Every structure is written in structure tokens, then in C-alpha cells.
């Protein structure tokens, strides 16, 4: 999955090599995530299956992938795409934030690696009926799955002050008051039903600045709220270490600053903060940490990848590896 603010003109990602979605940073993910070709890996945001396919190609016949997605359409397409991979690939409808309970239901206690590619798939953006796009008018939905409230419900029922707060916090839109005020005034005459109606109202209220559509940040904020994306990411970051085996890795691709800050902070907080003497063989201070971050700076797509898939432009990849779970490793693994 991915998210990059839409731009007018140019081919959609779904019109290129991948019929559903172009996987971002695919080579980098596989190279760093797959440390045991016979291990079990989780693709928590299956989407079109591009990353899953690359992982399967790297694994031995003993290796296995668990693909999770809340979107029934994505799962159905992947069932067709991976027909014949039974035994090596298990597809589950669910939210990656519940990865621990989903794996428990399969009788799996630990896995070798977990991947998250956050955001919206190219397919969802390019199909107007999904309601994610301000460039393709359709029902104001924005749900990644088939459950929960729609964007139309939020736009038509939230008080103006709550809309302003939502656009500020989730969209980082500096003109949130103006956007919220325009929406509140317009819905008094007629409730919003389509993405086109909402985009037109925001464009009229905010005007044009540069190449980005003025509705970009408002649509991002609504999508995050509808799908409870930050809540889901927070929950995942609290539980994923419990399902990783010793030496297991997590790889997370983000597309906007809110997600990236959460991931960066969480991974660093899990690193060692040991204050024991350097000569001590085992940490006794109670701050041994549980993992080490392998990407001091986020990995970004190369220019050639961005040229082939402009929606990869804002992607950032962070990777971390878990220590031995008993005592957080030796002092050599810890920062003093």
C-alpha cells in the first residue's frame, strides 16, 4: 500500500506494470527483512501482493508468508494472483493492529519478520467508487475495508470545531479553520455525498497554491480518521515485539510525517538505554532494550523508482531487529 498526494495529469500507477499496485522499495524490503529463507513472514498490509510475491520468491520451499488485509477486494485478487501457493501463503481478512491475535488463531507464536506498507493502494486511489480520490468523483466513503463509518458521515455530522481539529492534527492543514467553516456552511444547504462535491467546496474556500490540489490534506485527514490509522499503528507498535522471534525484524514504510514520527519514536524507545558499567556482562539496571534500529536514517526510494512510480516519492522505510528476549542481550548490544 502507499499514499502520495494525487497530481493532475500523467499515468496512474495502476496503468503501469502492476495491475493493482506497484510495491514501493521492494528490493530494499526483501534484502533487509528476509534473514531466514525458511522462516515465517507477515505482510500486514497485503494490498496487491507485490511485496508478498517478492518475499515468496526469496524464500525456500519451507518458508511461509501470512498476508493480512482488511479489504475484501484485495484479498480476492490475491487469491487469484497466488493460486497454487497453498501451504506457503495464508491470506487473512483483518487489521494488522491485531496481528498477535490473528497469528494466535493460526497457532503461530512467533515469526521471523513483519512488514507494514502503510497508506492507500494505487487501486483504491484510482477507483473513484472507493471514495479516496479528489480527482475521480465517487461516493464519499474512504473505508479501506467494509466496516466502520464513512467519510460522508464525518463530514456531515462532526461539529465545525471538531472538523478543524481533525484537519489540523491528521492533515497538518494550516488553513483548517477556513476549510471546516466552508464545509459546515455548505452542508447546511445539502449534505455531502461525493468526493467531487467535497473537493470543489475545499478548492473554492482555499484556492490554488502550487501543484497540489487544495483538498489533499483534508482528504488525508479524513482517510486517517475513517480508518483509525494512527490508533491502529499505535496498537501494532505496542504488540509486534511479542510475535517476533529472536533476531526477527520489522520493516515499516510510511508516507506522511505523522506516521513516520510515531514509528521513529517507538523504535528508538525500544532501543537500549542501559546505564550499567561497560564491564558488566549483563544489564541489571532494568533498561536493556528489546531491539536495535538498523536504519539510522530512513531509507527512501531511489530516483529511478520515483520516476517509474511518482507515488513512491514520500515513502520512508525503517527497520529494526529484536534482541534475545530473556535479558536484552549483552552489554555489547546496549548503548551506555
C-alpha atoms as a PDB file:
ATOM      1  CA  UNK A   1       0.000   0.000   0.000  1.00  0.00           C
ATOM      2  CA  UNK A   2       1.035   3.589  -0.370  1.00  0.00           C
ATOM      3  CA  UNK A   3      -0.111   7.152  -0.264  1.00  0.00           C
ATOM      4  CA  UNK A   4       1.137  10.081  -2.250  1.00  0.00           C
ATOM      5  CA  UNK A   5      -0.934  13.213  -2.806  1.00  0.00           C
ATOM      6  CA  UNK A   6      -2.590  12.975  -6.201  1.00  0.00           C
ATOM      7  CA  UNK A   7      -1.433  15.106  -9.069  1.00  0.00           C
ATOM      8  CA  UNK A   8      -3.253  16.175 -12.185  1.00  0.00           C
ATOM      9  CA  UNK A   9      -2.030  14.662 -15.419  1.00  0.00           C
ATOM     10  CA  UNK A  10       0.279  11.691 -16.036  1.00  0.00           C
ATOM     11  CA  UNK A  11      -0.483   7.955 -15.934  1.00  0.00           C
ATOM     12  CA  UNK A  12      -1.962   6.368 -12.865  1.00  0.00           C
ATOM     13  CA  UNK A  13       0.161   3.754 -11.158  1.00  0.00           C
ATOM     14  CA  UNK A  14      -2.410   1.100 -11.961  1.00  0.00           C
ATOM     15  CA  UNK A  15      -1.833   1.711 -15.689  1.00  0.00           C
ATOM     16  CA  UNK A  16       1.792   0.574 -15.493  1.00  0.00           C
ATOM     17  CA  UNK A  17       3.389  -2.817 -14.873  1.00  0.00           C
ATOM     18  CA  UNK A  18       1.374  -3.812 -11.804  1.00  0.00           C
ATOM     19  CA  UNK A  19      -2.383  -4.143 -12.462  1.00  0.00           C
ATOM     20  CA  UNK A  20      -3.302  -3.479  -8.830  1.00  0.00           C
ATOM     21  CA  UNK A  21      -0.415  -1.707  -7.167  1.00  0.00           C
ATOM     22  CA  UNK A  22       3.293  -1.064  -7.572  1.00  0.00           C
ATOM     23  CA  UNK A  23       5.145  -2.204  -4.418  1.00  0.00           C
ATOM     24  CA  UNK A  24       7.388   0.537  -3.034  1.00  0.00           C
ATOM     25  CA  UNK A  25      11.019  -0.116  -2.010  1.00  0.00           C
ATOM     26  CA  UNK A  26      10.526  -3.781  -2.864  1.00  0.00           C
ATOM     27  CA  UNK A  27      14.184  -4.717  -3.267  1.00  0.00           C
ATOM     28  CA  UNK A  28      15.228  -2.907  -0.088  1.00  0.00           C
ATOM     29  CA  UNK A  29      12.462  -4.563   1.938  1.00  0.00           C
ATOM     30  CA  UNK A  30      13.282  -8.087   0.809  1.00  0.00           C
ATOM     31  CA  UNK A  31      17.028  -7.619   1.235  1.00  0.00           C
ATOM     32  CA  UNK A  32      16.723  -6.417   4.838  1.00  0.00           C
ATOM     33  CA  UNK A  33      13.654  -8.299   6.048  1.00  0.00           C
ATOM     34  CA  UNK A  34      14.328 -11.848   4.859  1.00  0.00           C
ATOM     35  CA  UNK A  35      17.079 -13.144   7.136  1.00  0.00           C
ATOM     36  CA  UNK A  36      15.943 -16.805   7.125  1.00  0.00           C
ATOM     37  CA  UNK A  37      14.664 -18.253   3.862  1.00  0.00           C
ATOM     38  CA  UNK A  38      12.832 -20.953   5.776  1.00  0.00           C
ATOM     39  CA  UNK A  39      11.129 -18.545   8.175  1.00  0.00           C
ATOM     40  CA  UNK A  40       7.593 -17.224   8.586  1.00  0.00           C
ATOM     41  CA  UNK A  41       6.903 -13.675   7.453  1.00  0.00           C
ATOM     42  CA  UNK A  42       3.863 -11.430   7.865  1.00  0.00           C
ATOM     43  CA  UNK A  43       2.779  -8.918   5.249  1.00  0.00           C
ATOM     44  CA  UNK A  44       0.399  -6.906   7.401  1.00  0.00           C
ATOM     45  CA  UNK A  45      -0.774  -4.691   4.520  1.00  0.00           C
ATOM     46  CA  UNK A  46      -1.152  -7.187   1.679  1.00  0.00           C
ATOM     47  CA  UNK A  47      -2.714  -4.836  -0.895  1.00  0.00           C
ATOM     48  CA  UNK A  48      -1.967  -6.105  -4.386  1.00  0.00           C
ATOM     49  CA  UNK A  49       0.540  -8.660  -3.112  1.00  0.00           C
ATOM     50  CA  UNK A  50       3.650  -7.141  -4.694  1.00  0.00           C
ATOM     51  CA  UNK A  51       5.777  -7.328  -1.541  1.00  0.00           C
ATOM     52  CA  UNK A  52       4.394 -10.777  -0.697  1.00  0.00           C
ATOM     53  CA  UNK A  53       5.362 -12.064  -4.130  1.00  0.00           C
ATOM     54  CA  UNK A  54       8.906 -10.742  -3.740  1.00  0.00           C
ATOM     55  CA  UNK A  55       9.238 -12.334  -0.295  1.00  0.00           C
ATOM     56  CA  UNK A  56       7.925 -15.680  -1.557  1.00  0.00           C
ATOM     57  CA  UNK A  57      10.466 -15.619  -4.377  1.00  0.00           C
ATOM     58  CA  UNK A  58      13.277 -15.186  -1.849  1.00  0.00           C
ATOM     59  CA  UNK A  59      12.058 -17.950   0.496  1.00  0.00           C
ATOM     60  CA  UNK A  60      12.868 -21.641   0.276  1.00  0.00           C
ATOM     61  CA  UNK A  61      10.033 -24.187  -0.078  1.00  0.00           C
ATOM     62  CA  UNK A  62       9.960 -24.335   3.735  1.00  0.00           C
ATOM     63  CA  UNK A  63       9.300 -20.601   4.041  1.00  0.00           C
ATOM     64  CA  UNK A  64       5.836 -19.162   4.584  1.00  0.00           C
ATOM     65  CA  UNK A  65       4.026 -15.820   4.300  1.00  0.00           C
ATOM     66  CA  UNK A  66       0.927 -14.686   6.186  1.00  0.00           C
ATOM     67  CA  UNK A  67      -0.878 -11.945   4.237  1.00  0.00           C
ATOM     68  CA  UNK A  68      -3.289  -9.680   6.132  1.00  0.00           C
ATOM     69  CA  UNK A  69      -5.653  -7.075   4.709  1.00  0.00           C
ATOM     70  CA  UNK A  70      -8.955  -5.525   5.746  1.00  0.00           C
ATOM     71  CA  UNK A  71     -10.028  -5.019   2.105  1.00  0.00           C
ATOM     72  CA  UNK A  72     -12.079  -7.982   0.761  1.00  0.00           C
ATOM     73  CA  UNK A  73     -11.318  -6.953  -2.831  1.00  0.00           C
ATOM     74  CA  UNK A  74      -7.566  -7.019  -2.216  1.00  0.00           C
ATOM     75  CA  UNK A  75      -7.813 -10.469  -0.662  1.00  0.00           C
ATOM     76  CA  UNK A  76      -9.866 -11.828  -3.550  1.00  0.00           C
ATOM     77  CA  UNK A  77      -7.413 -10.504  -6.117  1.00  0.00           C
ATOM     78  CA  UNK A  78      -4.503 -12.035  -4.221  1.00  0.00           C
ATOM     79  CA  UNK A  79      -6.275 -15.390  -4.052  1.00  0.00           C
ATOM     80  CA  UNK A  80      -6.383 -15.314  -7.834  1.00  0.00           C
ATOM     81  CA  UNK A  81      -2.833 -13.989  -8.163  1.00  0.00           C
ATOM     82  CA  UNK A  82      -1.320 -16.614  -5.867  1.00  0.00           C
ATOM     83  CA  UNK A  83      -3.391 -19.577  -6.912  1.00  0.00           C
ATOM     84  CA  UNK A  84      -1.196 -22.638  -6.456  1.00  0.00           C
ATOM     85  CA  UNK A  85       0.762 -21.274  -3.491  1.00  0.00           C
ATOM     86  CA  UNK A  86      -1.324 -23.097  -0.893  1.00  0.00           C
ATOM     87  CA  UNK A  87       0.843 -24.189   2.017  1.00  0.00           C
ATOM     88  CA  UNK A  88       3.290 -21.318   1.525  1.00  0.00           C
ATOM     89  CA  UNK A  89       0.812 -18.437   1.699  1.00  0.00           C
ATOM     90  CA  UNK A  90      -2.078 -17.862   4.094  1.00  0.00           C
ATOM     91  CA  UNK A  91      -4.442 -14.940   3.478  1.00  0.00           C
ATOM     92  CA  UNK A  92      -6.450 -13.450   6.342  1.00  0.00           C
ATOM     93  CA  UNK A  93      -9.080 -10.715   6.459  1.00  0.00           C
ATOM     94  CA  UNK A  94      -8.199  -8.474   9.375  1.00  0.00           C
ATOM     95  CA  UNK A  95      -6.336  -5.428  10.649  1.00  0.00           C
ATOM     96  CA  UNK A  96      -2.576  -5.567  11.114  1.00  0.00           C
ATOM     97  CA  UNK A  97      -3.044  -3.923  14.515  1.00  0.00           C
ATOM     98  CA  UNK A  98      -4.441  -7.269  15.710  1.00  0.00           C
ATOM     99  CA  UNK A  99      -1.532  -9.281  14.303  1.00  0.00           C
ATOM    100  CA  UNK A 100      -0.894 -11.014  17.622  1.00  0.00           C
ATOM    101  CA  UNK A 101      -4.420 -12.427  17.903  1.00  0.00           C
ATOM    102  CA  UNK A 102      -4.600 -13.240  14.185  1.00  0.00           C
ATOM    103  CA  UNK A 103      -1.418 -15.306  14.416  1.00  0.00           C
ATOM    104  CA  UNK A 104      -2.643 -16.949  17.602  1.00  0.00           C
ATOM    105  CA  UNK A 105      -5.712 -18.082  15.669  1.00  0.00           C
ATOM    106  CA  UNK A 106      -3.363 -19.853  13.231  1.00  0.00           C
ATOM    107  CA  UNK A 107      -1.423 -21.483  16.057  1.00  0.00           C
ATOM    108  CA  UNK A 108       1.670 -19.351  15.353  1.00  0.00           C
ATOM    109  CA  UNK A 109       3.542 -17.939  18.350  1.00  0.00           C
ATOM    110  CA  UNK A 110       6.483 -16.222  16.661  1.00  0.00           C
ATOM    111  CA  UNK A 111       7.513 -15.128  13.182  1.00  0.00           C
ATOM    112  CA  UNK A 112      10.792 -14.159  11.536  1.00  0.00           C
ATOM    113  CA  UNK A 113       9.697 -10.823  10.117  1.00  0.00           C
ATOM    114  CA  UNK A 114       6.813  -8.395   9.769  1.00  0.00           C
ATOM    115  CA  UNK A 115       6.226  -5.825   7.028  1.00  0.00           C
ATOM    116  CA  UNK A 116       3.849  -2.864   7.025  1.00  0.00           C
ATOM    117  CA  UNK A 117       3.397  -0.678   3.944  1.00  0.00           C
ATOM    118  CA  UNK A 118       1.022   1.976   5.234  1.00  0.00           C
ATOM    119  CA  UNK A 119      -1.479   4.072   3.346  1.00  0.00           C
ATOM    120  CA  UNK A 120      -3.770   3.586   0.385  1.00  0.00           C
ATOM    121  CA  UNK A 121      -3.134   1.242  -2.518  1.00  0.00           C
ATOM    122  CA  UNK A 122      -2.942   2.623  -6.043  1.00  0.00           C
ATOM    123  CA  UNK A 123      -6.037   0.624  -6.881  1.00  0.00           C
ATOM    124  CA  UNK A 124      -8.041   2.302  -4.143  1.00  0.00           C
ATOM    125  CA  UNK A 125      -6.881   5.744  -5.266  1.00  0.00           C
ATOM    126  CA  UNK A 126      -7.570   5.083  -8.929  1.00  0.00           C
ATOM    127  CA  UNK A 127     -11.096   3.723  -8.460  1.00  0.00           C
ATOM    128  CA  UNK A 128     -13.447   6.623  -7.810  1.00  0.00           C
ATOM    129  CA  UNK A 129     -16.094   4.428  -6.230  1.00  0.00           C
ATOM    130  CA  UNK A 130     -13.828   3.763  -3.245  1.00  0.00           C
ATOM    131  CA  UNK A 131     -14.089   7.424  -2.294  1.00  0.00           C
ATOM    132  CA  UNK A 132     -10.398   8.151  -1.652  1.00  0.00           C
ATOM    133  CA  UNK A 133      -9.766  10.390  -4.636  1.00  0.00           C
ATOM    134  CA  UNK A 134     -10.498  14.069  -5.144  1.00  0.00           C
ATOM    135  CA  UNK A 135      -9.519  13.635  -8.804  1.00  0.00           C
ATOM    136  CA  UNK A 136     -12.157  10.968  -9.516  1.00  0.00           C
ATOM    137  CA  UNK A 137     -15.607  11.744  -8.178  1.00  0.00           C
ATOM    138  CA  UNK A 138     -17.392   8.938  -6.363  1.00  0.00           C
ATOM    139  CA  UNK A 139     -19.203   8.146  -3.113  1.00  0.00           C
ATOM    140  CA  UNK A 140     -17.582   9.867  -0.131  1.00  0.00           C
ATOM    141  CA  UNK A 141     -16.522   6.608   1.536  1.00  0.00           C
ATOM    142  CA  UNK A 142     -12.738   6.208   2.146  1.00  0.00           C
ATOM    143  CA  UNK A 143     -13.041   2.954   4.104  1.00  0.00           C
ATOM    144  CA  UNK A 144     -10.196   0.526   3.410  1.00  0.00           C
ATOM    145  CA  UNK A 145     -12.457  -2.346   4.415  1.00  0.00           C
ATOM    146  CA  UNK A 146     -16.187  -2.875   4.597  1.00  0.00           C
ATOM    147  CA  UNK A 147     -16.745  -1.772   8.193  1.00  0.00           C
ATOM    148  CA  UNK A 148     -16.895   1.473  10.179  1.00  0.00           C
ATOM    149  CA  UNK A 149     -18.130   4.989   9.478  1.00  0.00           C
ATOM    150  CA  UNK A 150     -17.699   6.649   6.099  1.00  0.00           C
ATOM    151  CA  UNK A 151     -16.072   9.983   5.329  1.00  0.00           C
ATOM    152  CA  UNK A 152     -19.525  11.305   4.415  1.00  0.00           C
ATOM    153  CA  UNK A 153     -20.715  10.557   7.938  1.00  0.00           C
ATOM    154  CA  UNK A 154     -17.835  12.512   9.456  1.00  0.00           C
ATOM    155  CA  UNK A 155     -18.109  15.456   7.077  1.00  0.00           C
ATOM    156  CA  UNK A 156     -21.858  15.785   7.550  1.00  0.00           C
ATOM    157  CA  UNK A 157     -22.097  15.243  11.316  1.00  0.00           C
ATOM    158  CA  UNK A 158     -18.931  16.435  13.070  1.00  0.00           C
ATOM    159  CA  UNK A 159     -19.187  19.922  14.590  1.00  0.00           C
ATOM    160  CA  UNK A 160     -17.164  22.593  12.816  1.00  0.00           C
ATOM    161  CA  UNK A 161     -14.637  22.776  15.674  1.00  0.00           C
ATOM    162  CA  UNK A 162     -14.020  19.026  15.525  1.00  0.00           C
ATOM    163  CA  UNK A 163     -13.526  19.174  11.778  1.00  0.00           C
ATOM    164  CA  UNK A 164     -10.987  21.962  12.256  1.00  0.00           C
ATOM    165  CA  UNK A 165      -9.119  19.902  14.855  1.00  0.00           C
ATOM    166  CA  UNK A 166      -9.169  16.836  12.615  1.00  0.00           C
ATOM    167  CA  UNK A 167      -7.744  18.764   9.641  1.00  0.00           C
ATOM    168  CA  UNK A 168      -5.051  20.321  11.844  1.00  0.00           C
ATOM    169  CA  UNK A 169      -3.948  17.115  13.577  1.00  0.00           C
ATOM    170  CA  UNK A 170      -4.330  14.471  10.872  1.00  0.00           C
ATOM    171  CA  UNK A 171      -3.848  16.582   7.761  1.00  0.00           C
ATOM    172  CA  UNK A 172      -1.460  19.198   9.160  1.00  0.00           C
ATOM    173  CA  UNK A 173      -3.546  21.702   7.198  1.00  0.00           C
ATOM    174  CA  UNK A 174      -2.682  25.260   8.245  1.00  0.00           C
ATOM    175  CA  UNK A 175      -5.911  26.557   6.732  1.00  0.00           C
ATOM    176  CA  UNK A 176      -8.079  24.129   8.680  1.00  0.00           C
ATOM    177  CA  UNK A 177     -10.448  26.792  10.103  1.00  0.00           C
ATOM    178  CA  UNK A 178     -11.309  28.035   6.621  1.00  0.00           C
ATOM    179  CA  UNK A 179     -11.868  24.514   5.284  1.00  0.00           C
ATOM    180  CA  UNK A 180     -14.031  23.495   8.245  1.00  0.00           C
ATOM    181  CA  UNK A 181     -16.071  26.693   8.019  1.00  0.00           C
ATOM    182  CA  UNK A 182     -16.733  26.172   4.303  1.00  0.00           C
ATOM    183  CA  UNK A 183     -17.806  22.566   4.839  1.00  0.00           C
ATOM    184  CA  UNK A 184     -20.140  23.490   7.697  1.00  0.00           C
ATOM    185  CA  UNK A 185     -21.786  26.200   5.600  1.00  0.00           C
ATOM    186  CA  UNK A 186     -22.183  24.012   2.503  1.00  0.00           C
ATOM    187  CA  UNK A 187     -23.733  21.040   4.317  1.00  0.00           C
ATOM    188  CA  UNK A 188     -26.478  23.301   5.697  1.00  0.00           C
ATOM    189  CA  UNK A 189     -27.820  23.557   2.158  1.00  0.00           C
ATOM    190  CA  UNK A 190     -27.140  19.960   1.091  1.00  0.00           C
ATOM    191  CA  UNK A 191     -25.282  17.069   2.774  1.00  0.00           C
ATOM    192  CA  UNK A 192     -22.088  15.966   1.049  1.00  0.00           C
ATOM    193  CA  UNK A 193     -22.446  12.722  -0.898  1.00  0.00           C
ATOM    194  CA  UNK A 194     -19.488  12.599  -3.285  1.00  0.00           C
ATOM    195  CA  UNK A 195     -15.763  13.270  -3.276  1.00  0.00           C
ATOM    196  CA  UNK A 196     -16.267  15.723  -6.127  1.00  0.00           C
ATOM    197  CA  UNK A 197     -18.642  17.869  -4.070  1.00  0.00           C
ATOM    198  CA  UNK A 198     -16.237  17.985  -1.146  1.00  0.00           C
ATOM    199  CA  UNK A 199     -13.187  18.698  -3.308  1.00  0.00           C
ATOM    200  CA  UNK A 200     -14.980  21.548  -5.084  1.00  0.00           C
ATOM    201  CA  UNK A 201     -16.047  23.136  -1.788  1.00  0.00           C
ATOM    202  CA  UNK A 202     -12.500  22.994  -0.405  1.00  0.00           C
ATOM    203  CA  UNK A 203     -10.955  24.320  -3.614  1.00  0.00           C
ATOM    204  CA  UNK A 204     -13.365  27.270  -3.618  1.00  0.00           C
ATOM    205  CA  UNK A 205     -12.585  28.030   0.035  1.00  0.00           C
ATOM    206  CA  UNK A 206      -8.802  27.613  -0.072  1.00  0.00           C
ATOM    207  CA  UNK A 207      -7.874  28.442  -3.647  1.00  0.00           C
ATOM    208  CA  UNK A 208      -4.896  27.017  -5.514  1.00  0.00           C
ATOM    209  CA  UNK A 209      -1.303  27.001  -4.255  1.00  0.00           C
ATOM    210  CA  UNK A 210       1.353  25.307  -6.349  1.00  0.00           C
ATOM    211  CA  UNK A 211       0.852  21.903  -7.938  1.00  0.00           C
ATOM    212  CA  UNK A 212      -1.039  20.153  -5.146  1.00  0.00           C
ATOM    213  CA  UNK A 213      -4.799  20.153  -5.081  1.00  0.00           C
ATOM    214  CA  UNK A 214      -6.024  22.222  -2.101  1.00  0.00           C
ATOM    215  CA  UNK A 215      -8.096  19.251  -0.890  1.00  0.00           C
ATOM    216  CA  UNK A 216      -5.027  16.998  -0.484  1.00  0.00           C
ATOM    217  CA  UNK A 217      -4.522  17.436   3.258  1.00  0.00           C
ATOM    218  CA  UNK A 218      -8.222  17.448   4.106  1.00  0.00           C
ATOM    219  CA  UNK A 219      -8.718  14.154   2.253  1.00  0.00           C
ATOM    220  CA  UNK A 220      -5.681  12.701   4.039  1.00  0.00           C
ATOM    221  CA  UNK A 221      -7.105  13.727   7.411  1.00  0.00           C
ATOM    222  CA  UNK A 222     -10.498  12.204   6.673  1.00  0.00           C
ATOM    223  CA  UNK A 223      -8.963   8.960   5.435  1.00  0.00           C
ATOM    224  CA  UNK A 224      -6.840   8.628   8.570  1.00  0.00           C
ATOM    225  CA  UNK A 225      -9.841   9.291  10.786  1.00  0.00           C
ATOM    226  CA  UNK A 226     -12.202   6.952   8.917  1.00  0.00           C
ATOM    227  CA  UNK A 227      -9.769   4.048   9.082  1.00  0.00           C
ATOM    228  CA  UNK A 228      -8.415   4.877  12.556  1.00  0.00           C
ATOM    229  CA  UNK A 229      -4.950   4.560  11.059  1.00  0.00           C
ATOM    230  CA  UNK A 230      -2.924   6.178  13.821  1.00  0.00           C
ATOM    231  CA  UNK A 231      -4.759   4.198  16.505  1.00  0.00           C
ATOM    232  CA  UNK A 232      -4.059   1.006  14.583  1.00  0.00           C
ATOM    233  CA  UNK A 233      -0.381   1.849  14.149  1.00  0.00           C
ATOM    234  CA  UNK A 234      -0.054   2.706  17.841  1.00  0.00           C
ATOM    235  CA  UNK A 235      -1.550  -0.651  18.819  1.00  0.00           C
ATOM    236  CA  UNK A 236       0.739  -2.519  16.429  1.00  0.00           C
ATOM    237  CA  UNK A 237       3.818  -0.773  17.818  1.00  0.00           C
ATOM    238  CA  UNK A 238       2.790  -1.911  21.295  1.00  0.00           C
ATOM    239  CA  UNK A 239       2.438  -5.627  20.421  1.00  0.00           C
ATOM    240  CA  UNK A 240       4.690  -6.534  17.487  1.00  0.00           C
ATOM    241  CA  UNK A 241       7.730  -7.382  19.622  1.00  0.00           C
ATOM    242  CA  UNK A 242       5.722 -10.175  21.250  1.00  0.00           C
ATOM    243  CA  UNK A 243       5.373 -12.051  17.956  1.00  0.00           C
ATOM    244  CA  UNK A 244       8.935 -11.654  16.665  1.00  0.00           C
ATOM    245  CA  UNK A 245      11.443 -14.435  17.305  1.00  0.00           C
ATOM    246  CA  UNK A 246      14.987 -13.688  18.455  1.00  0.00           C
ATOM    247  CA  UNK A 247      16.755 -11.903  15.600  1.00  0.00           C
ATOM    248  CA  UNK A 248      13.417 -11.207  13.907  1.00  0.00           C
ATOM    249  CA  UNK A 249      12.914  -7.952  12.056  1.00  0.00           C
ATOM    250  CA  UNK A 250      10.180  -5.408  11.471  1.00  0.00           C
ATOM    251  CA  UNK A 251      10.059  -3.206   8.361  1.00  0.00           C
ATOM    252  CA  UNK A 252       7.636  -0.277   8.189  1.00  0.00           C
ATOM    253  CA  UNK A 253       7.069   2.020   5.211  1.00  0.00           C
ATOM    254  CA  UNK A 254       5.349   5.325   5.971  1.00  0.00           C
ATOM    255  CA  UNK A 255       4.118   8.099   3.694  1.00  0.00           C
ATOM    256  CA  UNK A 256       3.458  11.098   5.890  1.00  0.00           C
ATOM    257  CA  UNK A 257       5.116  12.753   8.851  1.00  0.00           C
ATOM    258  CA  UNK A 258       2.551  11.700  11.477  1.00  0.00           C
ATOM    259  CA  UNK A 259       3.166   8.013  10.847  1.00  0.00           C
ATOM    260  CA  UNK A 260       6.909   8.386  10.449  1.00  0.00           C
ATOM    261  CA  UNK A 261       7.283  10.260  13.743  1.00  0.00           C
ATOM    262  CA  UNK A 262       5.303   7.558  15.558  1.00  0.00           C
ATOM    263  CA  UNK A 263       7.420   4.762  14.099  1.00  0.00           C
ATOM    264  CA  UNK A 264      10.732   6.541  14.612  1.00  0.00           C
ATOM    265  CA  UNK A 265       9.951   7.393  18.236  1.00  0.00           C
ATOM    266  CA  UNK A 266       8.598   3.938  19.093  1.00  0.00           C
ATOM    267  CA  UNK A 267      11.574   2.070  17.650  1.00  0.00           C
ATOM    268  CA  UNK A 268      14.078   4.340  19.369  1.00  0.00           C
ATOM    269  CA  UNK A 269      12.251   3.963  22.686  1.00  0.00           C
ATOM    270  CA  UNK A 270      12.678   0.189  22.374  1.00  0.00           C
ATOM    271  CA  UNK A 271      16.433   0.515  21.939  1.00  0.00           C
ATOM    272  CA  UNK A 272      18.823   0.075  24.892  1.00  0.00           C
ATOM    273  CA  UNK A 273      19.151   2.861  27.438  1.00  0.00           C
ATOM    274  CA  UNK A 274      21.480   0.874  29.679  1.00  0.00           C
ATOM    275  CA  UNK A 275      23.410   2.768  32.377  1.00  0.00           C
ATOM    276  CA  UNK A 276      25.343  -0.249  33.717  1.00  0.00           C
ATOM    277  CA  UNK A 277      29.160  -0.106  33.779  1.00  0.00           C
ATOM    278  CA  UNK A 278      30.663  -1.068  30.415  1.00  0.00           C
ATOM    279  CA  UNK A 279      32.419  -4.046  32.035  1.00  0.00           C
ATOM    280  CA  UNK A 280      29.152  -5.566  33.295  1.00  0.00           C
ATOM    281  CA  UNK A 281      28.398  -8.747  31.294  1.00  0.00           C
ATOM    282  CA  UNK A 282      24.629  -8.497  31.822  1.00  0.00           C
ATOM    283  CA  UNK A 283      22.362  -5.482  32.243  1.00  0.00           C
ATOM    284  CA  UNK A 284      20.990  -5.068  35.772  1.00  0.00           C
ATOM    285  CA  UNK A 285      19.649  -1.513  35.519  1.00  0.00           C
ATOM    286  CA  UNK A 286      16.357  -2.617  34.001  1.00  0.00           C
ATOM    287  CA  UNK A 287      16.825  -0.683  30.745  1.00  0.00           C
ATOM    288  CA  UNK A 288      18.373  -3.274  28.414  1.00  0.00           C
ATOM    289  CA  UNK A 289      16.069  -2.503  25.488  1.00  0.00           C
ATOM    290  CA  UNK A 290      14.438  -5.079  23.260  1.00  0.00           C
ATOM    291  CA  UNK A 291      15.726  -4.226  19.796  1.00  0.00           C
ATOM    292  CA  UNK A 292      18.161  -2.206  17.719  1.00  0.00           C
ATOM    293  CA  UNK A 293      17.258   0.113  14.863  1.00  0.00           C
ATOM    294  CA  UNK A 294      19.057  -0.831  11.653  1.00  0.00           C
ATOM    295  CA  UNK A 295      18.138   2.337   9.750  1.00  0.00           C
ATOM    296  CA  UNK A 296      19.579   5.399  11.492  1.00  0.00           C
ATOM    297  CA  UNK A 297      18.198   7.414   8.612  1.00  0.00           C
ATOM    298  CA  UNK A 298      15.034   6.310   6.883  1.00  0.00           C
ATOM    299  CA  UNK A 299      15.572   4.558   3.553  1.00  0.00           C
ATOM    300  CA  UNK A 300      13.983   6.453   0.664  1.00  0.00           C
ATOM    301  CA  UNK A 301      13.257   5.360  -2.914  1.00  0.00           C
ATOM    302  CA  UNK A 302      15.957   5.930  -5.496  1.00  0.00           C
ATOM    303  CA  UNK A 303      15.362   8.448  -8.253  1.00  0.00           C
ATOM    304  CA  UNK A 304      14.710   5.719 -10.816  1.00  0.00           C
ATOM    305  CA  UNK A 305      11.938   4.258  -8.663  1.00  0.00           C
ATOM    306  CA  UNK A 306      10.283   7.648  -8.203  1.00  0.00           C
ATOM    307  CA  UNK A 307      10.444   8.254 -11.948  1.00  0.00           C
ATOM    308  CA  UNK A 308       8.742   4.908 -12.566  1.00  0.00           C
ATOM    309  CA  UNK A 309       6.217   5.397  -9.749  1.00  0.00           C
ATOM    310  CA  UNK A 310       5.783   9.036  -8.636  1.00  0.00           C
ATOM    311  CA  UNK A 311       3.541   7.945  -5.757  1.00  0.00           C
ATOM    312  CA  UNK A 312       6.609   6.462  -4.086  1.00  0.00           C
ATOM    313  CA  UNK A 313       8.054   9.948  -3.633  1.00  0.00           C
ATOM    314  CA  UNK A 314       7.164  10.359   0.047  1.00  0.00           C
ATOM    315  CA  UNK A 315       7.942   6.802   1.187  1.00  0.00           C
ATOM    316  CA  UNK A 316      10.258   6.190   4.145  1.00  0.00           C
ATOM    317  CA  UNK A 317      11.404   2.748   5.294  1.00  0.00           C
ATOM    318  CA  UNK A 318      12.545   1.985   8.849  1.00  0.00           C
ATOM    319  CA  UNK A 319      13.802  -1.409  10.028  1.00  0.00           C
ATOM    320  CA  UNK A 320      14.629  -2.823  13.455  1.00  0.00           C
ATOM    321  CA  UNK A 321      15.798  -6.183  14.817  1.00  0.00           C
ATOM    322  CA  UNK A 322      14.788  -7.769  18.112  1.00  0.00           C
ATOM    323  CA  UNK A 323      17.295  -8.972  20.723  1.00  0.00           C
ATOM    324  CA  UNK A 324      17.206 -12.188  22.696  1.00  0.00           C
ATOM    325  CA  UNK A 325      14.066 -11.910  24.817  1.00  0.00           C
ATOM    326  CA  UNK A 326      15.498 -13.175  28.110  1.00  0.00           C
ATOM    327  CA  UNK A 327      17.786 -10.336  29.108  1.00  0.00           C
ATOM    328  CA  UNK A 328      18.050  -7.926  26.201  1.00  0.00           C
ATOM    329  CA  UNK A 329      21.426  -9.245  25.091  1.00  0.00           C
ATOM    330  CA  UNK A 330      24.910  -8.482  26.355  1.00  0.00           C
ATOM    331  CA  UNK A 331      26.371  -5.105  27.111  1.00  0.00           C
ATOM    332  CA  UNK A 332      27.923  -5.057  23.660  1.00  0.00           C
ATOM    333  CA  UNK A 333      24.414  -4.688  22.224  1.00  0.00           C
ATOM    334  CA  UNK A 334      23.496  -1.813  24.514  1.00  0.00           C
ATOM    335  CA  UNK A 335      24.100   1.921  24.432  1.00  0.00           C
ATOM    336  CA  UNK A 336      25.746   3.318  27.598  1.00  0.00           C
END
